Amino acid sequence: MLRIVKRSGRRFVVVCSPNMSRKLKQLGIGESKNGVVELDVLELAYLLWSRKAVATQDDCLLEWLDLLANHDDAATELIVYIDLLKRHCRVTVLSEKSKLVRFLVSKSGERFMVIPLREGSSIESQELISHVREASLNACKLLLALVDSRGSVVYYEAERFDANSVKHSQAREL
């Protein structure tokens, strides 16, 4: 049982039993601070969706869909978050400093920064370059996770390259 005591934007502060706190730590979900756990909306939605926890706020049960109602692209983000967990990745939600949520992911010693995007959405080139740089500074590879209309996820690696080093092919007339 998780009891929500405070909500601030995407972040929830919850009180839970020591046993539940250990379980969350084993799952790599949330941050324990001073006897409470701080969760991102996606972490809490995942726990409710997967039925690993039950949450209350003001003595009312919360549903995972209710948590996503006030967050743009939250469904896309949750689909990618669940997909990464199913692939046995350790996932940390990064939502500060950017309008895009990013996931810091580690698996088998490799580190990735993952940006979930809905099929048909766009990302500005300068923002993409900024994220490539951020991933590089954090010794990560940048992956763009595209979610299609059926909820399938495809990952694309994004990396920086020097346009001057690309060889131009000879143009042909048709």
Protein backbone atom coordinates (compact mmCIF):
# COMPACT_ATOMS: atom_id res chain seq x y z
CA MET A 1 0.00 0.00 0.00
CA LEU A 2 1.32 3.43 -0.98
CA ARG A 3 -0.18 6.51 0.65
CA ILE A 4 0.41 9.72 -1.28
CA VAL A 5 1.22 12.59 1.05
CA LYS A 6 2.38 15.20 -1.45
CA ARG A 7 2.23 15.83 -5.17
CA SER A 8 4.33 18.35 -7.07
CA GLY A 9 4.06 18.31 -10.86
CA ARG A 10 5.25 14.89 -12.02
CA ARG A 11 6.59 13.89 -8.59
CA PHE A 12 4.74 12.08 -5.79
CA VAL A 13 5.90 11.65 -2.21
CA VAL A 14 4.52 8.44 -0.73
CA VAL A 15 4.61 6.71 2.62
CA CYS A 16 4.83 2.93 2.60
CA SER A 17 5.84 0.00 4.77
CA PRO A 18 9.55 -0.84 5.14
CA ASN A 19 8.85 -4.06 3.21
CA MET A 20 7.36 -2.12 0.27
CA SER A 21 10.24 0.36 0.41
CA ARG A 22 12.72 -2.56 0.05
CA LYS A 23 10.66 -3.98 -2.83
CA LEU A 24 10.76 -0.63 -4.65
CA LYS A 25 14.53 -0.40 -4.11
CA GLN A 26 14.98 -3.92 -5.54
CA LEU A 27 12.93 -2.91 -8.58
CA GLY A 28 15.02 0.25 -8.94
CA ILE A 29 11.91 2.40 -8.66
CA GLY A 30 11.77 5.72 -6.81
CA GLU A 31 14.13 7.47 -4.42
CA SER A 32 13.97 6.84 -0.67
CA LYS A 33 14.49 9.95 1.45
CA ASN A 34 13.85 10.43 5.17
CA GLY A 35 11.46 7.49 5.49
CA VAL A 36 9.37 8.36 2.42
CA VAL A 37 9.71 7.43 -1.24
CA GLU A 38 9.62 9.94 -4.10
CA LEU A 39 8.16 8.59 -7.35
CA ASP A 40 7.75 10.00 -10.84
CA VAL A 41 4.21 9.77 -12.25
CA LEU A 42 5.40 7.03 -14.65
CA GLU A 43 6.88 4.95 -11.85
CA LEU A 44 3.65 5.20 -9.85
CA ALA A 45 1.49 4.49 -12.92
CA TYR A 46 3.61 1.41 -13.68
CA LEU A 47 3.26 0.09 -10.12
CA LEU A 48 -0.53 0.49 -10.31
CA TRP A 49 -0.82 -0.86 -13.88
CA SER A 50 1.26 -3.96 -13.05
CA ARG A 51 -0.64 -4.42 -9.75
CA LYS A 52 2.63 -4.41 -7.81
CA ALA A 53 1.10 -1.77 -5.52
CA VAL A 54 -2.11 -0.05 -4.53
CA ALA A 55 -2.09 3.70 -3.89
CA THR A 56 -4.41 6.01 -2.02
CA GLN A 57 -4.70 9.77 -1.83
CA ASP A 58 -7.09 11.36 0.67
CA ASP A 59 -8.47 7.87 1.45
CA CYS A 60 -9.41 7.28 -2.21
CA LEU A 61 -7.90 4.54 -4.37
CA LEU A 62 -5.95 5.79 -7.38
CA GLU A 63 -6.11 4.21 -10.82
CA TRP A 64 -3.13 4.28 -13.17
CA LEU A 65 -5.14 5.92 -15.98
CA ASP A 66 -6.09 8.80 -13.69
CA LEU A 67 -2.40 9.59 -13.19
CA LEU A 68 -1.80 10.00 -16.92
CA ALA A 69 -4.74 12.35 -17.57
CA ASN A 70 -2.87 15.58 -16.81
CA HIS A 71 0.41 14.79 -18.55
CA ASP A 72 0.93 15.22 -22.29
CA ASP A 73 2.52 12.18 -23.94
CA ALA A 74 2.35 10.21 -20.67
CA ALA A 75 0.86 7.17 -22.41
CA THR A 76 3.77 7.10 -24.88
CA GLU A 77 6.25 7.52 -22.04
CA LEU A 78 4.61 4.73 -20.02
CA ILE A 79 4.66 2.33 -22.99
CA VAL A 80 8.41 2.90 -23.41
CA TYR A 81 9.03 2.66 -19.64
CA ILE A 82 7.20 -0.70 -19.48
CA ASP A 83 9.01 -1.94 -22.61
CA LEU A 84 12.40 -1.12 -21.08
CA LEU A 85 11.49 -2.90 -17.82
CA LYS A 86 10.34 -5.96 -19.80
CA ARG A 87 13.79 -5.97 -21.42
CA HIS A 88 15.29 -6.23 -17.90
CA CYS A 89 16.77 -2.73 -17.94
CA ARG A 90 17.37 -0.52 -14.91
CA VAL A 91 15.43 2.67 -15.66
CA THR A 92 15.67 6.10 -14.04
CA VAL A 93 13.20 8.78 -15.12
CA LEU A 94 14.78 12.16 -15.87
CA SER A 95 12.18 14.89 -16.28
CA GLU A 96 13.94 18.08 -15.23
CA LYS A 97 15.74 20.57 -17.53
CA SER A 98 13.79 19.53 -20.60
CA LYS A 99 10.29 19.47 -21.97
CA LEU A 100 10.99 15.88 -23.03
CA VAL A 101 11.11 13.09 -20.47
CA ARG A 102 14.26 11.04 -20.76
CA PHE A 103 15.13 7.68 -19.28
CA LEU A 104 18.60 6.79 -18.08
CA VAL A 105 18.88 3.07 -18.79
CA SER A 106 21.52 0.51 -17.95
CA LYS A 107 21.67 -3.06 -19.18
CA SER A 108 24.58 -5.47 -19.24
CA GLY A 109 27.08 -2.72 -18.43
CA GLU A 110 25.91 -0.41 -21.23
CA ARG A 111 24.27 2.94 -20.53
CA PHE A 112 21.64 4.60 -22.69
CA MET A 113 19.61 7.78 -22.58
CA VAL A 114 16.20 7.06 -24.10
CA ILE A 115 13.75 9.67 -25.39
CA PRO A 116 10.21 8.38 -25.94
CA LEU A 117 8.42 9.86 -28.96
CA ARG A 118 5.01 9.21 -30.48
CA GLU A 119 5.01 8.24 -34.15
CA GLY A 120 4.31 11.36 -36.19
CA SER A 121 5.64 13.74 -33.55
CA SER A 122 8.75 15.81 -34.16
CA ILE A 123 11.80 16.96 -32.31
CA GLU A 124 13.72 20.13 -33.18
CA SER A 125 17.21 19.50 -34.55
CA GLN A 126 18.82 21.76 -31.93
CA GLU A 127 17.03 19.88 -29.15
CA LEU A 128 18.18 16.56 -30.61
CA ILE A 129 21.78 17.83 -30.80
CA SER A 130 21.48 18.99 -27.18
CA HIS A 131 20.34 15.51 -26.10
CA VAL A 132 23.14 13.82 -28.09
CA ARG A 133 25.58 16.09 -26.26
CA GLU A 134 23.94 15.38 -22.88
CA ALA A 135 24.09 11.62 -23.49
CA SER A 136 27.75 11.88 -24.49
CA LEU A 137 28.58 13.86 -21.32
CA ASN A 138 26.90 11.11 -19.28
CA ALA A 139 28.85 8.37 -21.13
CA CYS A 140 25.61 7.08 -22.72
CA LYS A 141 24.32 6.30 -26.16
CA LEU A 142 21.18 8.21 -27.16
CA LEU A 143 18.20 6.16 -28.28
CA LEU A 144 14.97 7.55 -29.70
CA ALA A 145 12.07 5.25 -28.83
CA LEU A 146 9.25 5.63 -31.36
CA VAL A 147 5.84 4.29 -30.34
CA ASP A 148 3.43 3.56 -33.18
CA SER A 149 -0.37 3.67 -33.07
CA ARG A 150 -0.52 0.01 -31.94
CA GLY A 151 1.85 0.59 -29.02
CA SER A 152 4.88 -1.11 -30.57
CA VAL A 153 8.26 0.43 -29.75
CA VAL A 154 11.18 0.76 -32.16
CA TYR A 155 14.51 2.13 -30.95
CA TYR A 156 16.82 4.26 -33.11
CA GLU A 157 20.31 5.27 -32.06
CA ALA A 158 21.18 8.94 -32.56
CA GLU A 159 24.78 10.05 -32.66
CA ARG A 160 26.78 13.05 -33.67
CA PHE A 161 28.70 13.00 -36.91
CA ASP A 162 30.90 15.43 -38.80
CA ALA A 163 29.15 16.41 -42.04
CA ASN A 164 32.51 17.38 -43.54
CA SER A 165 33.70 13.79 -43.30
CA VAL A 166 30.78 12.48 -45.38
CA LYS A 167 31.84 11.81 -48.96
CA HIS A 168 29.64 13.35 -51.59
CA SER A 169 28.65 11.03 -54.42
CA GLN A 170 28.78 12.14 -58.02
CA ALA A 171 25.34 13.38 -59.15
CA ARG A 172 23.84 11.66 -62.16
CA GLU A 173 21.37 13.03 -64.66
CA LEU A 174 18.19 11.05 -65.08
